[in-house]
Amino acid sequence: MTVGRQQGSQGKGNSQKTCSECGSDHLITDPQRAEVICRNCGLVQDEEMFDTGPDVPFDTKKMGSGLYERTGGRGLGPPSTRRLHNKGLSTIIDWRNRDIFRKDISSTIISQVYRMRNWQKRIINYNDRALAFANREIEGLCSHLRLGEDIQEEACRIYRICAEKKIVRGRPTESMAAAIVYRICRERKVPRTLDEIAEHSVIDKKEIGRSYSHMCRELKIRIITPKAEEYISRFASKLDIGAKVQTRARDILEKAYTMGLNSGKGPKGLVAAALYIAGILEDERRTQGDISKAIKVTEVTLRHRYTEFDRELELGLRENDLI
């Protein structure tokens, strides 16, 4: 069927509901071509429609740069986000001496704009400065740990709550930021250990742990104990271990949890022993040195967990299986 075009149908925003040619109400909207077509006779009822959908998404990492560009060259503001201390709702005097039309500001008012920019920086209170520093710290941690923007957004939200309740007083900002990121990783079952978070923070592991306990106590939320099986896939990928070994390691850990062998034991040591034993049983061995280096546990801890699993689970492994 030949598709014809209605003469003079270029009126934008046409809201007719029936075909002007055949009277049919079967009209099809094609958003890619911005046309409304009659399904019965093929006549184009409307064209060059307005796109009422969402605008081009902004890169929130570039927020605060002043002018935001989109198709057509118009400047628009960013969406609201908790990753900025002002939620992205404040007005900023840009460092570029240009107006809203991206034209250079005349030299007669540059000095005035310069003074206004300095005063704007001075009126930011201490709480906003501290919140901005904490958000930058959270962003850096999430970037190093390869965590998603949803975790970063949630971490900034929780830190704002802690700041409002004055929980962060007397504690380093970096420590509280790391503790909050660690908490969210536990809640969402993202395999990140406290050692990994401390590695990318200027605060040591003990101080982050104390801040974590303090935050949970003040917010009256329970301390989540990480499960060892959550780390299997991540550590197995570092060791280039196949799916069969991972499945066998999960079975070993499940039996160990049933018998209470995890009580008082760190999850990394349990994972290291489970992967080591599963590699022996599935004939895909990895040395103790390789496993301890990838998981960052000592070989002594690995051997202790190995011996305990072999004895309690009655796996029947021999001493010469130790590599």
C-alpha atoms as a PDB file:
ATOM      1  CA  MET A   1       0.000   0.000   0.000  1.00  0.00           C
ATOM      2  CA  THR A   2       1.378   3.387  -0.964  1.00  0.00           C
ATOM      3  CA  VAL A   3       1.705   5.719   1.947  1.00  0.00           C
ATOM      4  CA  GLY A   4       0.466   9.197   1.103  1.00  0.00           C
ATOM      5  CA  ARG A   5       0.911  12.440   3.009  1.00  0.00           C
ATOM      6  CA  GLN A   6      -1.881  14.678   4.064  1.00  0.00           C
ATOM      7  CA  GLN A   7      -1.543  18.122   2.526  1.00  0.00           C
ATOM      8  CA  GLY A   8      -0.823  20.784   5.090  1.00  0.00           C
ATOM      9  CA  SER A   9      -0.429  18.203   7.884  1.00  0.00           C
ATOM     10  CA  GLN A  10       2.725  19.733   9.279  1.00  0.00           C
ATOM     11  CA  GLY A  11       0.891  21.340  12.138  1.00  0.00           C
ATOM     12  CA  LYS A  12       2.794  20.290  15.237  1.00  0.00           C
ATOM     13  CA  GLY A  13       0.837  18.913  18.143  1.00  0.00           C
ATOM     14  CA  ASN A  14      -2.174  17.728  16.108  1.00  0.00           C
ATOM     15  CA  SER A  15      -4.484  15.882  18.517  1.00  0.00           C
ATOM     16  CA  GLN A  16      -6.980  14.358  16.051  1.00  0.00           C
ATOM     17  CA  LYS A  17      -8.051  10.785  16.861  1.00  0.00           C
ATOM     18  CA  THR A  18      -9.547   9.694  13.503  1.00  0.00           C
ATOM     19  CA  CYS A  19      -8.188   9.588   9.977  1.00  0.00           C
ATOM     20  CA  SER A  20      -9.208  12.597   7.886  1.00  0.00           C
ATOM     21  CA  GLU A  21      -9.294  10.414   4.747  1.00  0.00           C
ATOM     22  CA  CYS A  22     -11.163   7.223   5.722  1.00  0.00           C
ATOM     23  CA  GLY A  23     -12.424   8.054   9.212  1.00  0.00           C
ATOM     24  CA  SER A  24     -10.627   5.102  10.808  1.00  0.00           C
ATOM     25  CA  ASP A  25      -9.528   5.403  14.430  1.00  0.00           C
ATOM     26  CA  HIS A  26      -6.623   2.971  14.009  1.00  0.00           C
ATOM     27  CA  LEU A  27      -3.775   5.471  14.131  1.00  0.00           C
ATOM     28  CA  ILE A  28      -0.176   4.407  14.698  1.00  0.00           C
ATOM     29  CA  THR A  29       2.450   6.665  16.267  1.00  0.00           C
ATOM     30  CA  ASP A  30       5.994   6.203  14.967  1.00  0.00           C
ATOM     31  CA  PRO A  31       8.321   7.965  17.472  1.00  0.00           C
ATOM     32  CA  GLN A  32      11.434   7.386  15.348  1.00  0.00           C
ATOM     33  CA  ARG A  33       9.989   9.245  12.363  1.00  0.00           C
ATOM     34  CA  ALA A  34       7.823  11.551  14.499  1.00  0.00           C
ATOM     35  CA  GLU A  35       4.725  10.648  12.479  1.00  0.00           C
ATOM     36  CA  VAL A  36       1.145   9.509  13.058  1.00  0.00           C
ATOM     37  CA  ILE A  37      -0.010   7.107  10.333  1.00  0.00           C
ATOM     38  CA  CYS A  38      -3.433   5.657   9.605  1.00  0.00           C
ATOM     39  CA  ARG A  39      -3.273   1.878   9.773  1.00  0.00           C
ATOM     40  CA  ASN A  40      -6.192   1.492   7.391  1.00  0.00           C
ATOM     41  CA  CYS A  41      -5.259   3.698   4.416  1.00  0.00           C
ATOM     42  CA  GLY A  42      -1.659   4.596   5.202  1.00  0.00           C
ATOM     43  CA  LEU A  43      -2.144   8.366   5.165  1.00  0.00           C
ATOM     44  CA  VAL A  44       0.273  10.356   7.299  1.00  0.00           C
ATOM     45  CA  GLN A  45      -1.908  12.324   9.695  1.00  0.00           C
ATOM     46  CA  ASP A  46       0.772  14.244  11.524  1.00  0.00           C
ATOM     47  CA  GLU A  47       4.522  14.738  11.228  1.00  0.00           C
ATOM     48  CA  GLU A  48       7.313  16.601  12.958  1.00  0.00           C
ATOM     49  CA  MET A  49       5.739  15.930  16.341  1.00  0.00           C
ATOM     50  CA  PHE A  50       7.298  17.176  19.548  1.00  0.00           C
ATOM     51  CA  ASP A  51       9.257  14.627  21.566  1.00  0.00           C
ATOM     52  CA  THR A  52       7.708  14.727  25.039  1.00  0.00           C
ATOM     53  CA  GLY A  53      10.071  12.102  26.442  1.00  0.00           C
ATOM     54  CA  PRO A  54      12.948  12.705  28.859  1.00  0.00           C
ATOM     55  CA  ASP A  55      15.809  14.920  27.834  1.00  0.00           C
ATOM     56  CA  VAL A  56      19.324  13.731  27.105  1.00  0.00           C
ATOM     57  CA  PRO A  57      20.750  12.334  30.388  1.00  0.00           C
ATOM     58  CA  PHE A  58      23.484  14.317  32.037  1.00  0.00           C
ATOM     59  CA  ASP A  59      26.802  13.069  33.282  1.00  0.00           C
ATOM     60  CA  THR A  60      26.560  13.698  37.016  1.00  0.00           C
ATOM     61  CA  LYS A  61      30.349  13.574  37.325  1.00  0.00           C
ATOM     62  CA  LYS A  62      30.506  16.816  35.346  1.00  0.00           C
ATOM     63  CA  MET A  63      27.954  18.598  37.499  1.00  0.00           C
ATOM     64  CA  GLY A  64      29.063  21.947  38.763  1.00  0.00           C
ATOM     65  CA  SER A  65      30.942  22.849  35.579  1.00  0.00           C
ATOM     66  CA  GLY A  66      28.477  25.640  34.884  1.00  0.00           C
ATOM     67  CA  LEU A  67      26.931  25.217  31.444  1.00  0.00           C
ATOM     68  CA  TYR A  68      25.290  21.974  30.362  1.00  0.00           C
ATOM     69  CA  GLU A  69      24.965  21.187  26.701  1.00  0.00           C
ATOM     70  CA  ARG A  70      22.367  19.131  24.872  1.00  0.00           C
ATOM     71  CA  THR A  71      21.322  18.724  21.271  1.00  0.00           C
ATOM     72  CA  GLY A  72      20.535  22.162  19.978  1.00  0.00           C
ATOM     73  CA  GLY A  73      23.138  23.909  22.128  1.00  0.00           C
ATOM     74  CA  ARG A  74      20.811  25.024  24.921  1.00  0.00           C
ATOM     75  CA  GLY A  75      22.008  25.061  28.519  1.00  0.00           C
ATOM     76  CA  LEU A  76      19.915  23.022  30.961  1.00  0.00           C
ATOM     77  CA  GLY A  77      20.330  22.081  34.609  1.00  0.00           C
ATOM     78  CA  PRO A  78      21.210  18.601  35.897  1.00  0.00           C
ATOM     79  CA  PRO A  79      18.811  16.247  37.694  1.00  0.00           C
ATOM     80  CA  SER A  80      18.678  16.215  41.480  1.00  0.00           C
ATOM     81  CA  THR A  81      21.144  13.829  43.106  1.00  0.00           C
ATOM     82  CA  ARG A  82      22.394  13.111  46.624  1.00  0.00           C
ATOM     83  CA  ARG A  83      25.934  12.738  45.346  1.00  0.00           C
ATOM     84  CA  LEU A  84      26.238  16.515  45.535  1.00  0.00           C
ATOM     85  CA  HIS A  85      26.094  18.289  48.880  1.00  0.00           C
ATOM     86  CA  ASN A  86      23.413  20.661  47.519  1.00  0.00           C
ATOM     87  CA  LYS A  87      21.615  17.861  45.609  1.00  0.00           C
ATOM     88  CA  GLY A  88      22.450  19.679  42.374  1.00  0.00           C
ATOM     89  CA  LEU A  89      19.821  22.354  42.973  1.00  0.00           C
ATOM     90  CA  SER A  90      21.996  25.387  43.642  1.00  0.00           C
ATOM     91  CA  THR A  91      23.218  28.008  41.171  1.00  0.00           C
ATOM     92  CA  ILE A  92      26.946  28.224  40.493  1.00  0.00           C
ATOM     93  CA  ILE A  93      28.880  31.142  39.021  1.00  0.00           C
ATOM     94  CA  ASP A  94      31.008  29.329  36.491  1.00  0.00           C
ATOM     95  CA  TRP A  95      34.757  29.839  36.311  1.00  0.00           C
ATOM     96  CA  ARG A  96      34.488  30.533  32.583  1.00  0.00           C
ATOM     97  CA  ASN A  97      33.758  34.212  31.946  1.00  0.00           C
ATOM     98  CA  ARG A  98      30.845  33.570  29.614  1.00  0.00           C
ATOM     99  CA  ASP A  99      27.148  34.339  29.717  1.00  0.00           C
ATOM    100  CA  ILE A 100      24.200  31.973  29.191  1.00  0.00           C
ATOM    101  CA  PHE A 101      24.627  32.298  25.416  1.00  0.00           C
ATOM    102  CA  ARG A 102      28.286  31.215  25.732  1.00  0.00           C
ATOM    103  CA  LYS A 103      29.533  34.616  24.723  1.00  0.00           C
ATOM    104  CA  ASP A 104      32.498  36.266  26.445  1.00  0.00           C
ATOM    105  CA  ILE A 105      31.601  38.675  29.238  1.00  0.00           C
ATOM    106  CA  SER A 106      32.654  42.237  28.643  1.00  0.00           C
ATOM    107  CA  SER A 107      35.763  43.397  30.426  1.00  0.00           C
ATOM    108  CA  THR A 108      33.801  46.045  32.329  1.00  0.00           C
ATOM    109  CA  ILE A 109      31.974  43.491  34.494  1.00  0.00           C
ATOM    110  CA  ILE A 110      34.615  40.734  34.756  1.00  0.00           C
ATOM    111  CA  SER A 111      35.902  42.164  38.045  1.00  0.00           C
ATOM    112  CA  GLN A 112      32.355  42.265  39.416  1.00  0.00           C
ATOM    113  CA  VAL A 113      31.759  38.636  38.454  1.00  0.00           C
ATOM    114  CA  TYR A 114      35.080  37.709  40.043  1.00  0.00           C
ATOM    115  CA  ARG A 115      34.048  39.284  43.380  1.00  0.00           C
ATOM    116  CA  MET A 116      30.638  37.585  43.229  1.00  0.00           C
ATOM    117  CA  ARG A 117      32.310  34.223  42.634  1.00  0.00           C
ATOM    118  CA  ASN A 118      34.562  34.671  45.672  1.00  0.00           C
ATOM    119  CA  TRP A 119      31.672  35.693  47.902  1.00  0.00           C
ATOM    120  CA  GLN A 120      29.664  32.694  46.767  1.00  0.00           C
ATOM    121  CA  LYS A 121      32.479  30.395  47.880  1.00  0.00           C
ATOM    122  CA  ARG A 122      32.705  32.147  51.259  1.00  0.00           C
ATOM    123  CA  ILE A 123      29.004  31.891  52.121  1.00  0.00           C
ATOM    124  CA  ILE A 124      29.078  28.074  51.955  1.00  0.00           C
ATOM    125  CA  ASN A 125      28.814  27.002  55.593  1.00  0.00           C
ATOM    126  CA  TYR A 126      30.921  24.406  57.362  1.00  0.00           C
ATOM    127  CA  ASN A 127      28.317  21.616  57.125  1.00  0.00           C
ATOM    128  CA  ASP A 128      28.066  21.955  53.365  1.00  0.00           C
ATOM    129  CA  ARG A 129      31.846  21.905  53.031  1.00  0.00           C
ATOM    130  CA  ALA A 130      32.096  18.772  55.190  1.00  0.00           C
ATOM    131  CA  LEU A 131      29.303  17.090  53.229  1.00  0.00           C
ATOM    132  CA  ALA A 132      30.964  17.930  49.928  1.00  0.00           C
ATOM    133  CA  PHE A 133      34.262  16.457  51.173  1.00  0.00           C
ATOM    134  CA  ALA A 134      32.493  13.278  52.344  1.00  0.00           C
ATOM    135  CA  ASN A 135      30.742  12.870  48.988  1.00  0.00           C
ATOM    136  CA  ARG A 136      34.075  13.171  47.186  1.00  0.00           C
ATOM    137  CA  GLU A 137      35.567  10.551  49.491  1.00  0.00           C
ATOM    138  CA  ILE A 138      32.648   8.180  48.816  1.00  0.00           C
ATOM    139  CA  GLU A 139      32.957   8.759  45.086  1.00  0.00           C
ATOM    140  CA  GLY A 140      36.661   7.940  45.193  1.00  0.00           C
ATOM    141  CA  LEU A 141      36.099   4.736  47.172  1.00  0.00           C
ATOM    142  CA  CYS A 142      33.320   3.552  44.865  1.00  0.00           C
ATOM    143  CA  SER A 143      35.488   4.299  41.848  1.00  0.00           C
ATOM    144  CA  HIS A 144      38.476   2.311  43.179  1.00  0.00           C
ATOM    145  CA  LEU A 145      36.256  -0.591  44.272  1.00  0.00           C
ATOM    146  CA  ARG A 146      34.322  -0.538  40.975  1.00  0.00           C
ATOM    147  CA  LEU A 147      30.965  -0.071  42.646  1.00  0.00           C
ATOM    148  CA  GLY A 148      27.896   1.196  40.814  1.00  0.00           C
ATOM    149  CA  GLU A 149      26.348   4.632  40.992  1.00  0.00           C
ATOM    150  CA  ASP A 150      23.381   3.248  42.939  1.00  0.00           C
ATOM    151  CA  ILE A 151      25.695   2.273  45.805  1.00  0.00           C
ATOM    152  CA  GLN A 152      27.355   5.676  45.683  1.00  0.00           C
ATOM    153  CA  GLU A 153      23.969   7.400  45.752  1.00  0.00           C
ATOM    154  CA  GLU A 154      22.821   5.317  48.739  1.00  0.00           C
ATOM    155  CA  ALA A 155      26.108   5.926  50.591  1.00  0.00           C
ATOM    156  CA  CYS A 156      25.737   9.693  50.182  1.00  0.00           C
ATOM    157  CA  ARG A 157      22.162   9.469  51.448  1.00  0.00           C
ATOM    158  CA  ILE A 158      23.159   7.567  54.588  1.00  0.00           C
ATOM    159  CA  TYR A 159      26.066   9.908  55.284  1.00  0.00           C
ATOM    160  CA  ARG A 160      23.658  12.852  55.080  1.00  0.00           C
ATOM    161  CA  ILE A 161      21.442  11.136  57.673  1.00  0.00           C
ATOM    162  CA  CYS A 162      24.448  10.519  59.938  1.00  0.00           C
ATOM    163  CA  ALA A 163      25.486  14.164  59.600  1.00  0.00           C
ATOM    164  CA  GLU A 164      21.991  15.400  60.487  1.00  0.00           C
ATOM    165  CA  LYS A 165      21.933  13.167  63.571  1.00  0.00           C
ATOM    166  CA  LYS A 166      25.478  14.310  64.484  1.00  0.00           C
ATOM    167  CA  ILE A 167      26.787  10.738  64.412  1.00  0.00           C
ATOM    168  CA  VAL A 168      29.883  11.779  62.452  1.00  0.00           C
ATOM    169  CA  ARG A 169      31.088  14.192  65.135  1.00  0.00           C
ATOM    170  CA  GLY A 170      34.462  13.331  66.599  1.00  0.00           C
ATOM    171  CA  ARG A 171      35.292  10.804  63.866  1.00  0.00           C
ATOM    172  CA  PRO A 172      37.341  11.224  60.688  1.00  0.00           C
ATOM    173  CA  THR A 173      35.220  11.833  57.612  1.00  0.00           C
ATOM    174  CA  GLU A 174      37.181   9.245  55.628  1.00  0.00           C
ATOM    175  CA  SER A 175      36.484   6.622  58.305  1.00  0.00           C
ATOM    176  CA  MET A 176      32.721   7.199  58.338  1.00  0.00           C
ATOM    177  CA  ALA A 177      32.573   7.267  54.539  1.00  0.00           C
ATOM    178  CA  ALA A 178      34.416   3.945  54.308  1.00  0.00           C
ATOM    179  CA  ALA A 179      32.204   2.408  57.015  1.00  0.00           C
ATOM    180  CA  ILE A 180      29.041   3.437  55.157  1.00  0.00           C
ATOM    181  CA  VAL A 181      30.299   2.007  51.853  1.00  0.00           C
ATOM    182  CA  TYR A 182      31.188  -1.230  53.653  1.00  0.00           C
ATOM    183  CA  ARG A 183      27.718  -1.380  55.197  1.00  0.00           C
ATOM    184  CA  ILE A 184      25.953  -0.974  51.861  1.00  0.00           C
ATOM    185  CA  CYS A 185      28.159  -3.627  50.252  1.00  0.00           C
ATOM    186  CA  ARG A 186      27.081  -6.015  52.985  1.00  0.00           C
ATOM    187  CA  GLU A 187      23.406  -5.134  52.616  1.00  0.00           C
ATOM    188  CA  ARG A 188      23.421  -5.638  48.855  1.00  0.00           C
ATOM    189  CA  LYS A 189      25.665  -8.709  49.001  1.00  0.00           C
ATOM    190  CA  VAL A 190      28.438  -7.087  46.985  1.00  0.00           C
ATOM    191  CA  PRO A 191      31.643  -9.013  47.748  1.00  0.00           C
ATOM    192  CA  ARG A 192      33.987  -6.381  49.150  1.00  0.00           C
ATOM    193  CA  THR A 193      36.012  -7.133  52.253  1.00  0.00           C
ATOM    194  CA  LEU A 194      37.024  -4.662  54.932  1.00  0.00           C
ATOM    195  CA  ASP A 195      40.659  -5.141  53.916  1.00  0.00           C
ATOM    196  CA  GLU A 196      39.877  -4.063  50.351  1.00  0.00           C
ATOM    197  CA  ILE A 197      38.067  -0.942  51.520  1.00  0.00           C
ATOM    198  CA  ALA A 198      40.892  -0.066  53.927  1.00  0.00           C
ATOM    199  CA  GLU A 199      43.393  -0.548  51.098  1.00  0.00           C
ATOM    200  CA  HIS A 200      41.809   2.315  49.139  1.00  0.00           C
ATOM    201  CA  SER A 201      41.287   4.558  52.169  1.00  0.00           C
ATOM    202  CA  VAL A 202      43.681   6.675  54.192  1.00  0.00           C
ATOM    203  CA  ILE A 203      42.221   5.178  57.396  1.00  0.00           C
ATOM    204  CA  ASP A 204      43.319   1.807  58.722  1.00  0.00           C
ATOM    205  CA  LYS A 205      41.099  -1.246  59.083  1.00  0.00           C
ATOM    206  CA  LYS A 206      40.591  -0.980  62.854  1.00  0.00           C
ATOM    207  CA  GLU A 207      39.373   2.614  62.727  1.00  0.00           C
ATOM    208  CA  ILE A 208      36.912   1.782  59.927  1.00  0.00           C
ATOM    209  CA  GLY A 209      35.630  -1.143  61.980  1.00  0.00           C
ATOM    210  CA  ARG A 210      35.094   1.080  65.009  1.00  0.00           C
ATOM    211  CA  SER A 211      33.243   3.648  62.899  1.00  0.00           C
ATOM    212  CA  TYR A 212      31.106   0.868  61.433  1.00  0.00           C
ATOM    213  CA  SER A 213      30.123  -0.412  64.882  1.00  0.00           C
ATOM    214  CA  HIS A 214      29.452   3.148  66.095  1.00  0.00           C
ATOM    215  CA  MET A 215      27.221   3.880  63.114  1.00  0.00           C
ATOM    216  CA  CYS A 216      25.193   0.680  63.519  1.00  0.00           C
ATOM    217  CA  ARG A 217      24.765   1.354  67.238  1.00  0.00           C
ATOM    218  CA  GLU A 218      23.652   4.961  66.790  1.00  0.00           C
ATOM    219  CA  LEU A 219      21.303   4.220  63.885  1.00  0.00           C
ATOM    220  CA  LYS A 220      19.985   1.142  65.731  1.00  0.00           C
ATOM    221  CA  ILE A 221      20.582  -1.232  62.840  1.00  0.00           C
ATOM    222  CA  ARG A 222      21.926  -4.735  63.184  1.00  0.00           C
ATOM    223  CA  ILE A 223      25.456  -5.646  62.184  1.00  0.00           C
ATOM    224  CA  ILE A 224      25.336  -7.871  59.105  1.00  0.00           C
ATOM    225  CA  THR A 225      27.760 -10.796  59.151  1.00  0.00           C
ATOM    226  CA  PRO A 226      29.095 -11.496  55.648  1.00  0.00           C
ATOM    227  CA  LYS A 227      28.696 -15.036  54.337  1.00  0.00           C
ATOM    228  CA  ALA A 228      31.716 -16.740  52.844  1.00  0.00           C
ATOM    229  CA  GLU A 229      29.908 -18.040  49.745  1.00  0.00           C
ATOM    230  CA  GLU A 230      29.309 -14.447  48.599  1.00  0.00           C
ATOM    231  CA  TYR A 231      33.048 -14.136  47.882  1.00  0.00           C
ATOM    232  CA  ILE A 232      33.508 -17.391  45.951  1.00  0.00           C
ATOM    233  CA  SER A 233      32.742 -16.079  42.459  1.00  0.00           C
ATOM    234  CA  ARG A 234      34.952 -13.018  42.855  1.00  0.00           C
ATOM    235  CA  PHE A 235      37.977 -14.856  44.231  1.00  0.00           C
ATOM    236  CA  ALA A 236      37.491 -17.731  41.780  1.00  0.00           C
ATOM    237  CA  SER A 237      37.691 -15.286  38.881  1.00  0.00           C
ATOM    238  CA  LYS A 238      41.030 -14.033  40.193  1.00  0.00           C
ATOM    239  CA  LEU A 239      42.323 -17.610  40.296  1.00  0.00           C
ATOM    240  CA  ASP A 240      40.750 -18.530  36.921  1.00  0.00           C
ATOM    241  CA  ILE A 241      38.825 -21.426  38.477  1.00  0.00           C
ATOM    242  CA  GLY A 242      35.986 -23.142  36.613  1.00  0.00           C
ATOM    243  CA  ALA A 243      32.318 -23.475  37.516  1.00  0.00           C
ATOM    244  CA  LYS A 244      32.625 -27.058  38.808  1.00  0.00           C
ATOM    245  CA  VAL A 245      35.151 -26.038  41.432  1.00  0.00           C
ATOM    246  CA  GLN A 246      32.977 -23.111  42.496  1.00  0.00           C
ATOM    247  CA  THR A 247      29.933 -25.370  42.875  1.00  0.00           C
ATOM    248  CA  ARG A 248      31.929 -27.885  44.922  1.00  0.00           C
ATOM    249  CA  ALA A 249      33.314 -25.066  47.093  1.00  0.00           C
ATOM    250  CA  ARG A 250      29.773 -23.825  47.808  1.00  0.00           C
ATOM    251  CA  ASP A 251      28.736 -27.349  48.834  1.00  0.00           C
ATOM    252  CA  ILE A 252      31.702 -27.572  51.206  1.00  0.00           C
ATOM    253  CA  LEU A 253      30.872 -24.215  52.784  1.00  0.00           C
ATOM    254  CA  GLU A 254      27.205 -25.181  53.139  1.00  0.00           C
ATOM    255  CA  LYS A 255      28.168 -28.322  55.061  1.00  0.00           C
ATOM    256  CA  ALA A 256      30.627 -26.321  57.155  1.00  0.00           C
ATOM    257  CA  TYR A 257      27.901 -23.801  58.073  1.00  0.00           C
ATOM    258  CA  THR A 258      25.539 -26.639  58.977  1.00  0.00           C
ATOM    259  CA  MET A 259      28.110 -28.074  61.391  1.00  0.00           C
ATOM    260  CA  GLY A 260      28.967 -24.647  62.817  1.00  0.00           C
ATOM    261  CA  LEU A 261      32.551 -24.633  61.571  1.00  0.00           C
ATOM    262  CA  ASN A 262      32.257 -20.966  60.625  1.00  0.00           C
ATOM    263  CA  SER A 263      31.879 -19.776  64.207  1.00  0.00           C
ATOM    264  CA  GLY A 264      34.584 -17.236  64.980  1.00  0.00           C
ATOM    265  CA  LYS A 265      36.250 -17.708  61.602  1.00  0.00           C
ATOM    266  CA  GLY A 266      36.889 -15.039  59.001  1.00  0.00           C
ATOM    267  CA  PRO A 267      35.074 -15.480  55.659  1.00  0.00           C
ATOM    268  CA  LYS A 268      38.261 -15.168  53.607  1.00  0.00           C
ATOM    269  CA  GLY A 269      39.924 -18.089  55.340  1.00  0.00           C
ATOM    270  CA  LEU A 270      36.828 -20.264  54.825  1.00  0.00           C
ATOM    271  CA  VAL A 271      36.665 -19.379  51.131  1.00  0.00           C
ATOM    272  CA  ALA A 272      40.372 -20.045  50.674  1.00  0.00           C
ATOM    273  CA  ALA A 273      40.108 -23.524  52.228  1.00  0.00           C
ATOM    274  CA  ALA A 274      36.920 -24.361  50.321  1.00  0.00           C
ATOM    275  CA  LEU A 275      38.433 -23.379  46.955  1.00  0.00           C
ATOM    276  CA  TYR A 276      41.644 -25.234  47.748  1.00  0.00           C
ATOM    277  CA  ILE A 277      39.807 -28.434  48.698  1.00  0.00           C
ATOM    278  CA  ALA A 278      37.398 -28.159  45.754  1.00  0.00           C
ATOM    279  CA  GLY A 279      40.360 -27.772  43.387  1.00  0.00           C
ATOM    280  CA  ILE A 280      41.853 -31.012  44.717  1.00  0.00           C
ATOM    281  CA  LEU A 281      38.558 -32.914  44.420  1.00  0.00           C
ATOM    282  CA  GLU A 282      37.847 -31.626  40.905  1.00  0.00           C
ATOM    283  CA  ASP A 283      41.450 -32.062  39.743  1.00  0.00           C
ATOM    284  CA  GLU A 284      41.906 -28.349  39.122  1.00  0.00           C
ATOM    285  CA  ARG A 285      44.499 -27.580  41.719  1.00  0.00           C
ATOM    286  CA  ARG A 286      45.858 -24.223  42.756  1.00  0.00           C
ATOM    287  CA  THR A 287      48.824 -23.844  45.057  1.00  0.00           C
ATOM    288  CA  GLN A 288      48.448 -22.507  48.570  1.00  0.00           C
ATOM    289  CA  GLY A 289      50.665 -19.593  47.617  1.00  0.00           C
ATOM    290  CA  ASP A 290      48.436 -18.614  44.676  1.00  0.00           C
ATOM    291  CA  ILE A 291      45.253 -18.852  46.737  1.00  0.00           C
ATOM    292  CA  SER A 292      46.646 -16.961  49.732  1.00  0.00           C
ATOM    293  CA  LYS A 293      47.964 -14.218  47.442  1.00  0.00           C
ATOM    294  CA  ALA A 294      44.684 -13.818  45.557  1.00  0.00           C
ATOM    295  CA  ILE A 295      42.459 -13.890  48.652  1.00  0.00           C
ATOM    296  CA  LYS A 296      45.009 -12.124  50.879  1.00  0.00           C
ATOM    297  CA  VAL A 297      45.123 -14.638  53.718  1.00  0.00           C
ATOM    298  CA  THR A 298      48.163 -16.304  55.198  1.00  0.00           C
ATOM    299  CA  GLU A 299      49.091 -19.840  54.207  1.00  0.00           C
ATOM    300  CA  VAL A 300      48.958 -20.797  57.888  1.00  0.00           C
ATOM    301  CA  THR A 301      45.278 -19.779  58.068  1.00  0.00           C
ATOM    302  CA  LEU A 302      44.548 -21.708  54.873  1.00  0.00           C
ATOM    303  CA  ARG A 303      46.158 -24.871  56.263  1.00  0.00           C
ATOM    304  CA  HIS A 304      44.278 -24.588  59.563  1.00  0.00           C
ATOM    305  CA  ARG A 305      40.922 -24.288  57.767  1.00  0.00           C
ATOM    306  CA  TYR A 306      41.903 -27.086  55.386  1.00  0.00           C
ATOM    307  CA  THR A 307      42.779 -29.455  58.218  1.00  0.00           C
ATOM    308  CA  GLU A 308      39.585 -28.598  60.098  1.00  0.00           C
ATOM    309  CA  PHE A 309      37.356 -29.137  57.064  1.00  0.00           C
ATOM    310  CA  ASP A 310      39.083 -32.406  56.206  1.00  0.00           C
ATOM    311  CA  ARG A 311      38.665 -33.727  59.761  1.00  0.00           C
ATOM    312  CA  GLU A 312      35.144 -32.537  60.551  1.00  0.00           C
ATOM    313  CA  LEU A 313      33.585 -33.086  57.117  1.00  0.00           C
ATOM    314  CA  GLU A 314      35.374 -36.435  56.675  1.00  0.00           C
ATOM    315  CA  LEU A 315      36.580 -35.587  53.188  1.00  0.00           C
ATOM    316  CA  GLY A 316      39.276 -38.251  53.244  1.00  0.00           C
ATOM    317  CA  LEU A 317      42.052 -36.041  51.922  1.00  0.00           C
ATOM    318  CA  ARG A 318      45.596 -37.200  52.501  1.00  0.00           C
ATOM    319  CA  GLU A 319      48.524 -35.198  53.773  1.00  0.00           C
ATOM    320  CA  ASN A 320      50.306 -35.518  50.433  1.00  0.00           C
ATOM    321  CA  ASP A 321      47.429 -33.662  48.787  1.00  0.00           C
ATOM    322  CA  LEU A 322      48.851 -30.535  50.329  1.00  0.00           C
ATOM    323  CA  ILE A 323      50.720 -28.647  47.624  1.00  0.00           C
END
